Amino acid sequence: MTNYIKFLGTAGARVVVAKQLRASGGIWLSLDQTNILIDPGPGSLVHTLRARPKLDPTILDGIVLTHKHLDHSADINVMMEAMTVGGKEKRGIILVPADAVSGDDPVIYKYIRKFVAEIRTMKVGGEYQLGNLLIKTPVAHHHGVETFGLIIKGKKQKIAYIADTRYFSDLPRYYNCDTLILSVLSTVKTPFDHLNVEEAEEIIKKLRPQTTILTHFGIWMLKAKPELVAKSLSAKLGLKVRAARDGMSFAI
């Protein structure tokens, strides 16, 4: 495949990540001769190198971090180092929220920052060129730390990634797309700032993308079996909804 999304992990929530009930390596996107890694959580480098076919970190054009929670950011430093061959090749663009590189609790080490070509801090309404892709951060998410979802625009395709957030009424209108990647932690409402299946249904119903891929599963979703949840949503909405699996590739 030339244009594809590769799920290096589908874990959400601390328990699923800590026990590695699902992998937590993030999402690799290859589109229009541009390769980016999104949210390199624990094990990202290992799952990149174990992928079939194997993925090569040195061909990455950049890394995008939607927010600094460990399940999304734990391998950001090692992936920056791998992308730059241990700092020997100064290359790659890093897109991160400001609090990932500033304040009292940054997640990117200072000595590694000089390895890459550029680190850009994202903001609401921002637009960032990364290779042949235009990446937009249309709205701030409600998630405890600075968090953004992504609109990724290629030559012919528009992909949306709705990362971790509490649901709010305006959320769907920011993410019109062809392919939607949707973080769905739970089958029921929880006290955490994450989406559940009912809220995911509302988003999909309003956006009506060509394909929706569910990911970032907590223990509640695993018990319900994500594939069955996706199948139920497909039947109910008359739209294509899939559940991501660890290592799954999706052709764009």
Protein backbone atom coordinates (compact mmCIF):
# COMPACT_ATOMS: atom_id res chain seq x y z
CA MET A 1 0.00 0.00 0.00
CA THR A 2 1.20 3.49 -0.83
CA ASN A 3 -1.36 5.41 1.20
CA TYR A 4 -2.38 3.78 4.47
CA ILE A 5 -3.01 4.11 8.19
CA LYS A 6 -1.18 1.62 10.41
CA PHE A 7 -2.35 1.13 13.98
CA LEU A 8 0.71 0.38 16.11
CA GLY A 9 -1.58 0.16 19.11
CA THR A 10 -5.22 0.54 20.10
CA ALA A 11 -4.97 0.84 23.89
CA GLY A 12 -6.70 3.51 25.91
CA ALA A 13 -6.86 4.14 29.65
CA ARG A 14 -4.21 3.36 32.22
CA VAL A 15 -5.14 -0.25 32.97
CA VAL A 16 -5.20 -1.41 29.35
CA VAL A 17 -1.88 0.33 28.72
CA ALA A 18 -0.21 -0.79 31.96
CA LYS A 19 -1.17 -4.42 31.37
CA GLN A 20 -0.67 -4.13 27.60
CA LEU A 21 -4.04 -5.76 26.98
CA ARG A 22 -3.74 -3.81 23.75
CA ALA A 23 -0.55 -2.26 22.39
CA SER A 24 0.03 1.48 22.78
CA GLY A 25 2.38 2.41 19.95
CA GLY A 26 0.31 5.11 18.25
CA ILE A 27 -0.71 5.59 14.62
CA TRP A 28 1.55 5.65 11.53
CA LEU A 29 0.14 7.51 8.54
CA SER A 30 1.61 7.27 5.06
CA LEU A 31 -0.12 9.59 2.60
CA ASP A 32 1.04 11.42 -0.52
CA GLN A 33 4.71 10.48 -0.04
CA THR A 34 4.65 11.80 3.52
CA ASN A 35 5.10 9.66 6.63
CA ILE A 36 4.04 10.83 10.08
CA LEU A 37 3.73 9.15 13.46
CA ILE A 38 0.89 10.24 15.74
CA ASP A 39 0.94 9.77 19.53
CA PRO A 40 3.91 7.44 20.10
CA GLY A 41 2.88 5.83 23.39
CA PRO A 42 4.71 3.06 25.29
CA GLY A 43 6.28 0.55 22.92
CA SER A 44 6.05 2.68 19.79
CA LEU A 45 9.59 1.95 18.63
CA VAL A 46 9.23 -1.78 19.26
CA HIS A 47 5.93 -2.00 17.38
CA THR A 48 7.31 0.11 14.53
CA LEU A 49 10.21 -2.28 14.02
CA ARG A 50 8.05 -5.39 14.50
CA ALA A 51 5.43 -4.24 12.00
CA ARG A 52 4.89 -6.38 8.92
CA PRO A 53 6.13 -5.12 6.60
CA LYS A 54 8.66 -3.45 8.90
CA LEU A 55 8.40 0.32 9.25
CA ASP A 56 11.57 2.42 9.19
CA PRO A 57 11.60 5.38 11.62
CA THR A 58 14.28 7.13 9.55
CA ILE A 59 11.76 7.77 6.75
CA LEU A 60 9.43 9.70 9.04
CA ASP A 61 8.85 13.30 8.00
CA GLY A 62 7.51 14.21 11.41
CA ILE A 63 5.82 13.24 14.66
CA VAL A 64 2.58 14.70 16.01
CA LEU A 65 1.58 14.64 19.66
CA THR A 66 -2.07 15.40 20.41
CA HIS A 67 -1.32 15.71 24.13
CA LYS A 68 1.31 14.78 26.69
CA HIS A 69 -0.39 11.99 28.66
CA LEU A 70 1.91 8.97 28.84
CA ASP A 71 -0.28 6.63 26.78
CA HIS A 72 0.24 9.07 23.89
CA SER A 73 3.73 10.43 24.56
CA ALA A 74 5.90 7.91 26.42
CA ASP A 75 8.03 7.09 23.34
CA ILE A 76 8.24 10.60 21.87
CA ASN A 77 11.91 10.99 22.81
CA VAL A 78 13.02 7.58 21.56
CA MET A 79 11.10 8.04 18.29
CA MET A 80 12.70 11.46 17.75
CA GLU A 81 16.09 9.84 18.30
CA ALA A 82 15.26 6.94 15.96
CA MET A 83 13.95 9.29 13.26
CA THR A 84 17.22 11.24 13.32
CA VAL A 85 19.51 8.18 13.57
CA GLY A 86 20.51 9.09 17.10
CA GLY A 87 20.84 12.76 16.24
CA LYS A 88 23.20 12.20 13.30
CA GLU A 89 20.69 13.50 10.74
CA LYS A 90 18.97 16.75 11.71
CA ARG A 91 15.54 16.21 10.22
CA GLY A 92 11.83 15.94 10.89
CA ILE A 93 9.14 18.31 12.16
CA ILE A 94 7.59 17.81 15.59
CA LEU A 95 4.10 19.18 16.28
CA VAL A 96 3.14 19.32 19.96
CA PRO A 97 0.98 21.27 22.39
CA ALA A 98 2.93 24.01 24.16
CA ASP A 99 2.81 22.24 27.54
CA ALA A 100 4.71 19.27 26.08
CA VAL A 101 7.86 21.41 25.81
CA SER A 102 7.36 24.11 28.45
CA GLY A 103 6.33 24.64 32.05
CA ASP A 104 7.16 22.39 34.98
CA ASP A 105 6.26 19.09 33.35
CA PRO A 106 7.48 18.88 29.71
CA VAL A 107 7.74 15.46 28.08
CA ILE A 108 10.43 16.11 25.45
CA TYR A 109 13.97 16.13 26.78
CA LYS A 110 15.92 19.31 26.07
CA TYR A 111 18.98 17.51 24.72
CA ILE A 112 16.86 15.70 22.10
CA ARG A 113 15.13 18.86 20.85
CA LYS A 114 18.22 19.90 18.90
CA PHE A 115 18.22 16.59 16.98
CA VAL A 116 15.19 17.52 14.84
CA ALA A 117 14.78 20.17 12.17
CA GLU A 118 11.94 21.98 13.94
CA ILE A 119 9.55 21.79 16.87
CA ARG A 120 6.29 23.68 16.39
CA THR A 121 3.77 24.28 19.16
CA MET A 122 0.17 23.89 18.10
CA LYS A 123 -2.69 26.24 18.86
CA VAL A 124 -6.44 26.46 18.24
CA GLY A 125 -7.12 27.12 14.57
CA GLY A 126 -3.52 26.37 13.62
CA GLU A 127 -2.40 25.09 10.22
CA TYR A 128 0.92 23.31 9.73
CA GLN A 129 2.56 22.01 6.58
CA LEU A 130 4.29 18.69 7.11
CA GLY A 131 5.65 17.28 3.88
CA ASN A 132 2.78 17.11 1.42
CA LEU A 133 0.15 17.20 4.17
CA LEU A 134 -1.65 20.13 5.74
CA ILE A 135 -2.43 19.48 9.39
CA LYS A 136 -5.05 21.56 11.19
CA THR A 137 -5.89 21.77 14.89
CA PRO A 138 -9.41 23.19 14.73
CA VAL A 139 -10.49 23.21 18.38
CA ALA A 140 -9.20 22.65 21.91
CA HIS A 141 -10.36 19.40 23.47
CA HIS A 142 -11.57 19.02 27.06
CA HIS A 143 -9.05 16.63 28.56
CA GLY A 144 -7.19 18.04 31.56
CA VAL A 145 -4.01 18.90 29.65
CA GLU A 146 -3.63 20.85 26.42
CA THR A 147 -5.13 18.52 23.80
CA PHE A 148 -5.92 18.80 20.10
CA GLY A 149 -7.61 16.66 17.51
CA LEU A 150 -6.29 16.72 13.95
CA ILE A 151 -7.55 17.35 10.45
CA ILE A 152 -5.01 15.93 7.99
CA LYS A 153 -5.48 17.08 4.40
CA GLY A 154 -3.81 15.30 1.53
CA LYS A 155 -4.16 15.87 -2.20
CA LYS A 156 -7.46 13.98 -2.41
CA GLN A 157 -8.21 12.73 1.10
CA LYS A 158 -9.15 14.37 4.38
CA ILE A 159 -8.57 12.38 7.56
CA ALA A 160 -9.80 13.44 10.99
CA TYR A 161 -8.47 12.14 14.29
CA ILE A 162 -10.66 12.97 17.26
CA ALA A 163 -8.28 12.34 20.13
CA ASP A 164 -9.18 12.11 23.80
CA THR A 165 -11.84 14.56 24.93
CA ARG A 166 -15.01 14.99 26.91
CA TYR A 167 -17.95 15.35 24.53
CA PHE A 168 -19.25 18.84 23.85
CA SER A 169 -22.04 19.87 21.49
CA ASP A 170 -19.85 21.68 18.94
CA LEU A 171 -17.28 18.89 18.66
CA PRO A 172 -18.57 17.17 15.49
CA ARG A 173 -18.74 20.31 13.36
CA TYR A 174 -14.96 20.74 13.43
CA TYR A 175 -14.16 17.36 11.92
CA ASN A 176 -15.76 16.93 8.49
CA CYS A 177 -13.68 14.30 6.70
CA ASP A 178 -13.53 11.26 4.43
CA THR A 179 -11.99 8.98 7.06
CA LEU A 180 -12.57 9.45 10.78
CA ILE A 181 -10.33 7.95 13.47
CA LEU A 182 -12.24 8.15 16.73
CA SER A 183 -10.96 7.50 20.26
CA VAL A 184 -13.70 5.65 22.15
CA LEU A 185 -12.75 4.63 25.66
CA SER A 186 -15.94 3.18 27.02
CA THR A 187 -19.34 1.70 26.30
CA VAL A 188 -20.88 3.84 29.05
CA LYS A 189 -20.40 7.32 30.49
CA THR A 190 -17.45 7.56 32.89
CA PRO A 191 -16.05 10.35 35.06
CA PHE A 192 -13.06 10.58 32.73
CA ASP A 193 -12.70 13.10 29.89
CA HIS A 194 -13.16 10.51 27.14
CA LEU A 195 -15.83 9.60 24.62
CA ASN A 196 -18.21 6.66 25.04
CA VAL A 197 -20.11 4.67 22.41
CA GLU A 198 -23.28 6.78 22.61
CA GLU A 199 -21.28 9.96 22.02
CA ALA A 200 -19.32 8.29 19.22
CA GLU A 201 -22.62 7.39 17.57
CA GLU A 202 -23.73 11.03 17.73
CA ILE A 203 -20.48 12.19 16.14
CA ILE A 204 -20.59 9.62 13.33
CA LYS A 205 -24.26 10.35 12.64
CA LYS A 206 -23.53 14.07 12.24
CA LEU A 207 -20.33 13.73 10.21
CA ARG A 208 -21.26 10.71 8.04
CA PRO A 209 -17.68 9.96 6.90
CA GLN A 210 -16.96 7.31 4.29
CA THR A 211 -15.28 5.22 6.98
CA THR A 212 -14.99 5.51 10.74
CA ILE A 213 -12.30 3.58 12.63
CA LEU A 214 -12.71 3.20 16.38
CA THR A 215 -9.59 2.98 18.57
CA HIS A 216 -8.15 3.82 22.02
CA PHE A 217 -10.12 1.20 23.91
CA GLY A 218 -10.52 1.01 27.67
CA ILE A 219 -11.37 -2.13 29.58
CA TRP A 220 -15.11 -1.52 29.10
CA MET A 221 -14.74 -1.59 25.31
CA LEU A 222 -12.55 -4.69 25.40
CA LYS A 223 -15.15 -6.54 27.46
CA ALA A 224 -17.85 -5.52 24.95
CA LYS A 225 -15.57 -6.56 22.03
CA PRO A 226 -14.82 -3.53 19.82
CA GLU A 227 -15.59 -5.47 16.63
CA LEU A 228 -19.15 -6.12 17.84
CA VAL A 229 -19.58 -2.49 18.89
CA ALA A 230 -18.44 -1.34 15.44
CA LYS A 231 -20.72 -3.85 13.72
CA SER A 232 -23.68 -2.63 15.76
CA LEU A 233 -22.95 1.00 14.91
CA SER A 234 -22.62 0.15 11.21
CA ALA A 235 -26.00 -1.56 11.19
CA LYS A 236 -27.69 1.19 13.18
CA LEU A 237 -26.29 4.11 11.17
CA GLY A 238 -26.01 2.51 7.73
CA LEU A 239 -22.38 3.65 7.58
CA LYS A 240 -19.02 1.88 7.49
CA VAL A 241 -17.65 1.61 11.03
CA ARG A 242 -14.63 -0.53 11.88
CA ALA A 243 -12.76 -1.34 15.07
CA ALA A 244 -8.99 -1.02 14.81
CA ARG A 245 -6.79 -3.95 15.80
CA ASP A 246 -3.17 -3.84 16.89
CA GLY A 247 -1.06 -3.93 13.74
CA MET A 248 -4.01 -3.30 11.41
CA SER A 249 -3.38 -1.44 8.15
CA PHE A 250 -6.15 0.49 6.46
CA ALA A 251 -5.73 1.49 2.82
CA ILE A 252 -6.71 5.06 2.06
